[in-house]
Structure formats: C-alpha cells, structure tokens
Amino acid sequence: MILYRLRCEGEHEFDGWFPSSASFERQAEKGLLSCPQCGNHNVTRALMAPAIRRGSGDAGILDAAEAAPADGSGVPAGAAAPGATPASEALPVPDAAMALLQKMRGVIEQHYVNAGTQFATEALQMHRGEKEATGIYGSMTEDEREMLDDEGVEVLTIPWVRPADS
C-alpha cells in the first residue's frame, strides 16, 4: 500500500491509498480521482515528509526498518523518509491518531500479503513485470531501499504500531 498526499487544481490537499504507483497513475489518467472538497478530477501527487516518534512506552511508533523482527513478520517496508523529523523532535502521537494507525495496520494485514524480508525482491519483480503486481508489505534494509529507489520503485514507510488488540 502506498499513501500519497494529493492536490487538486484548486490547491486542496487530501490523502489517497493505492496498491502501487502504477495504480495511482492509471486512475489519474482515467480521471477516476476527484477532490473530496471541490470534485475536481485534475489530481496530482503533493510532497510529504512524515514524522516518526520513537517512544519508550509500548505505544511508541518506530521506524519500520528498525522495528522489524528478525523473522520479518508483519512489518511494513522501508526506513524513515529523507527529511523526516528526527525522533527527538517528533511530537507525541494523539490517541485518535494512534487509533487510526492501528486500524490502518489491521486493514493492511487483512487485505495485503506479508512478503516479510523478501519485500524488496518481490517489489522489484512486480515493478519489472516479472511477477503479477499485488499489494504487499514487509521489511527491507536501507541498502534494499536505496536499490529500489535507484530502480524507480516507489515504496511507502508507515509507522507500524502495536495491534489494537494487544
């Protein structure tokens, strides 16, 4: 899953989730995207730089690359985005935001395939057309992330919080 910050011609910004960057491009080209505020169908991606908080408590949000368990189970891909706010400067996550992140994790785990530590390999195969494109999540090293960047594969790092039922 990829989360994009989107912007319409009227300069309204909003978020959109897509299974791949190609999916976003196809939907945008066909005019299937529209601004929720004004209905404009000329939608483009806007720049975004998420902040990730690392806390000592159980509910702290961790950088996905560092939070990845050794077996690679259940952790989204990547590391902190370039330009992200350093952990020491990040603001605490409000309860409502934490609840949304927990809900997002549940949706991802329910609807997408956990590629684990093979995330980078599978994402690259899908990008090259060697494998059918599907929604996946997993973990990767910083070197793998750089390789995907060099290949033009877009990935999204999301804060991976503890499940809501833990």
Protein backbone atom coordinates (compact mmCIF):
# COMPACT_ATOMS: atom_id res chain seq x y z
CA MET A 1 0.00 0.00 0.00
CA ILE A 2 1.16 3.47 -0.85
CA LEU A 3 -0.20 6.58 0.84
CA TYR A 4 0.05 9.70 -1.29
CA ARG A 5 -0.68 13.27 -0.31
CA LEU A 6 -2.75 14.54 -3.26
CA ARG A 7 -3.58 18.02 -4.53
CA CYS A 8 -6.25 19.23 -6.97
CA GLU A 9 -6.13 22.24 -9.30
CA GLY A 10 -7.96 24.21 -6.60
CA GLU A 11 -4.97 23.63 -4.26
CA HIS A 12 -6.99 21.40 -1.89
CA GLU A 13 -4.85 18.66 -0.35
CA PHE A 14 -6.06 15.22 0.74
CA ASP A 15 -4.72 11.67 1.18
CA GLY A 16 -5.20 8.63 -1.03
CA TRP A 17 -4.17 4.98 -0.64
CA PHE A 18 -3.07 2.99 -3.69
CA PRO A 19 -1.82 -0.59 -4.15
CA SER A 20 1.03 0.69 -6.35
CA SER A 21 2.34 3.83 -8.02
CA ALA A 22 1.14 2.41 -11.36
CA SER A 23 -2.37 2.16 -9.91
CA PHE A 24 -2.29 5.83 -8.96
CA GLU A 25 -1.06 6.78 -12.45
CA ARG A 26 -3.80 4.72 -14.18
CA GLN A 27 -6.55 6.19 -12.01
CA ALA A 28 -5.27 9.74 -12.50
CA GLU A 29 -5.01 9.31 -16.29
CA LYS A 30 -8.57 7.97 -16.49
CA GLY A 31 -9.91 10.83 -14.35
CA LEU A 32 -11.09 8.43 -11.66
CA LEU A 33 -9.65 10.54 -8.84
CA SER A 34 -11.51 13.56 -7.54
CA CYS A 35 -11.05 16.14 -4.82
CA PRO A 36 -13.40 15.50 -1.87
CA GLN A 37 -13.80 19.26 -1.35
CA CYS A 38 -14.49 20.56 -4.87
CA GLY A 39 -14.87 17.43 -7.03
CA ASN A 40 -12.05 18.47 -9.42
CA HIS A 41 -10.64 15.49 -11.34
CA ASN A 42 -7.23 17.03 -12.12
CA VAL A 43 -5.36 15.46 -9.18
CA THR A 44 -1.58 15.21 -8.73
CA ARG A 45 0.74 14.00 -6.00
CA ALA A 46 1.91 16.58 -3.45
CA LEU A 47 5.14 16.45 -1.46
CA MET A 48 5.00 14.96 2.01
CA ALA A 49 7.50 14.13 4.75
CA PRO A 50 6.13 12.09 7.67
CA ALA A 51 7.49 12.35 11.19
CA ILE A 52 8.04 9.20 13.21
CA ARG A 53 8.15 9.22 17.01
CA ARG A 54 10.14 6.70 18.96
CA GLY A 55 8.93 6.36 22.50
CA SER A 56 9.92 4.25 25.44
CA GLY A 57 6.31 3.22 26.02
CA ASP A 58 4.57 0.28 24.36
CA ALA A 59 2.55 2.58 22.10
CA GLY A 60 5.58 4.36 20.63
CA ILE A 61 5.88 4.46 16.85
CA LEU A 62 9.08 3.01 15.45
CA ASP A 63 10.90 3.32 12.18
CA ALA A 64 9.78 0.18 10.31
CA ALA A 65 13.32 -0.87 9.35
CA GLU A 66 14.49 -0.80 12.96
CA ALA A 67 11.28 -2.29 14.36
CA ALA A 68 11.43 -5.32 12.04
CA PRO A 69 11.59 -8.58 13.95
CA ALA A 70 14.36 -10.98 12.94
CA ASP A 71 11.84 -13.24 11.17
CA GLY A 72 10.48 -10.28 9.13
CA SER A 73 6.89 -10.92 10.12
CA GLY A 74 4.23 -8.26 9.88
CA VAL A 75 6.24 -5.09 9.40
CA PRO A 76 5.83 -2.63 6.53
CA ALA A 77 8.71 -1.84 4.25
CA GLY A 78 11.43 0.70 4.48
CA ALA A 79 13.06 3.22 6.70
CA ALA A 80 12.28 6.81 7.63
CA ALA A 81 11.76 9.09 4.65
CA PRO A 82 14.57 11.51 3.87
CA GLY A 83 13.84 14.79 5.61
CA ALA A 84 11.69 13.17 8.29
CA THR A 85 11.70 14.88 11.65
CA PRO A 86 14.33 13.36 13.97
CA ALA A 87 12.82 11.22 16.72
CA SER A 88 13.98 13.60 19.42
CA GLU A 89 11.99 16.44 17.79
CA ALA A 90 8.84 14.49 16.85
CA LEU A 91 5.62 15.28 18.69
CA PRO A 92 3.72 12.66 20.69
CA VAL A 93 1.02 10.84 18.75
CA PRO A 94 -2.50 11.71 19.98
CA ASP A 95 -4.80 8.83 20.92
CA ALA A 96 -7.00 9.45 17.87
CA ALA A 97 -4.00 9.22 15.55
CA MET A 98 -2.82 6.04 17.28
CA ALA A 99 -6.28 4.51 16.83
CA LEU A 100 -6.18 5.35 13.11
CA LEU A 101 -2.71 3.82 12.74
CA GLN A 102 -3.91 0.66 14.50
CA LYS A 103 -6.93 0.49 12.20
CA MET A 104 -4.68 1.01 9.17
CA ARG A 105 -2.45 -1.86 10.32
CA GLY A 106 -5.48 -4.12 10.64
CA VAL A 107 -6.68 -3.27 7.13
CA ILE A 108 -3.20 -3.84 5.65
CA GLU A 109 -2.82 -7.20 7.41
CA GLN A 110 -6.30 -8.26 6.30
CA HIS A 111 -6.07 -7.25 2.63
CA TYR A 112 -2.39 -7.48 1.65
CA VAL A 113 0.27 -10.19 1.55
CA ASN A 114 3.13 -10.11 4.04
CA ALA A 115 6.30 -10.55 1.96
CA GLY A 116 8.42 -10.35 5.11
CA THR A 117 12.14 -9.93 4.42
CA GLN A 118 11.54 -10.72 0.72
CA PHE A 119 9.66 -7.42 0.28
CA ALA A 120 12.36 -5.69 -1.81
CA THR A 121 12.84 -8.70 -4.11
CA GLU A 122 9.10 -9.10 -4.71
CA ALA A 123 8.52 -5.35 -5.19
CA LEU A 124 11.32 -5.24 -7.78
CA GLN A 125 9.93 -8.29 -9.63
CA MET A 126 6.49 -6.65 -9.77
CA HIS A 127 8.00 -3.36 -10.95
CA ARG A 128 9.84 -5.16 -13.76
CA GLY A 129 6.73 -7.12 -14.76
CA GLU A 130 8.31 -10.45 -13.79
CA LYS A 131 5.55 -11.11 -11.28
CA GLU A 132 1.90 -10.07 -11.11
CA ALA A 133 1.51 -6.79 -9.24
CA THR A 134 -0.32 -7.24 -5.95
CA GLY A 135 -0.47 -5.35 -2.67
CA ILE A 136 2.36 -6.44 -0.36
CA TYR A 137 4.03 -5.27 2.81
CA GLY A 138 7.17 -6.35 4.61
CA SER A 139 10.58 -5.19 5.74
CA MET A 140 13.78 -4.18 3.99
CA THR A 141 17.25 -2.94 4.74
CA GLU A 142 18.43 0.58 3.96
CA ASP A 143 20.57 -0.86 1.10
CA GLU A 144 17.49 -2.58 -0.36
CA ARG A 145 15.55 0.66 -0.10
CA GLU A 146 18.30 2.53 -1.97
CA MET A 147 18.31 -0.18 -4.66
CA LEU A 148 14.53 0.16 -5.09
CA ASP A 149 14.93 3.96 -5.28
CA ASP A 150 17.60 3.54 -7.97
CA GLU A 151 15.26 1.24 -9.92
CA GLY A 152 12.39 3.73 -9.67
CA VAL A 153 10.25 1.54 -7.39
CA GLU A 154 8.14 3.69 -5.10
CA VAL A 155 7.56 2.38 -1.58
CA LEU A 156 5.93 3.91 1.45
CA THR A 157 7.12 3.72 5.01
CA ILE A 158 4.37 3.84 7.58
CA PRO A 159 4.53 3.85 11.37
CA TRP A 160 3.92 0.26 12.44
CA VAL A 161 2.24 0.37 15.84
CA ARG A 162 1.16 -2.48 18.05
CA PRO A 163 -2.19 -4.01 17.01
CA ALA A 164 -5.28 -2.53 18.63
CA ASP A 165 -5.98 -5.81 20.46
CA SER A 166 -2.54 -6.08 22.10
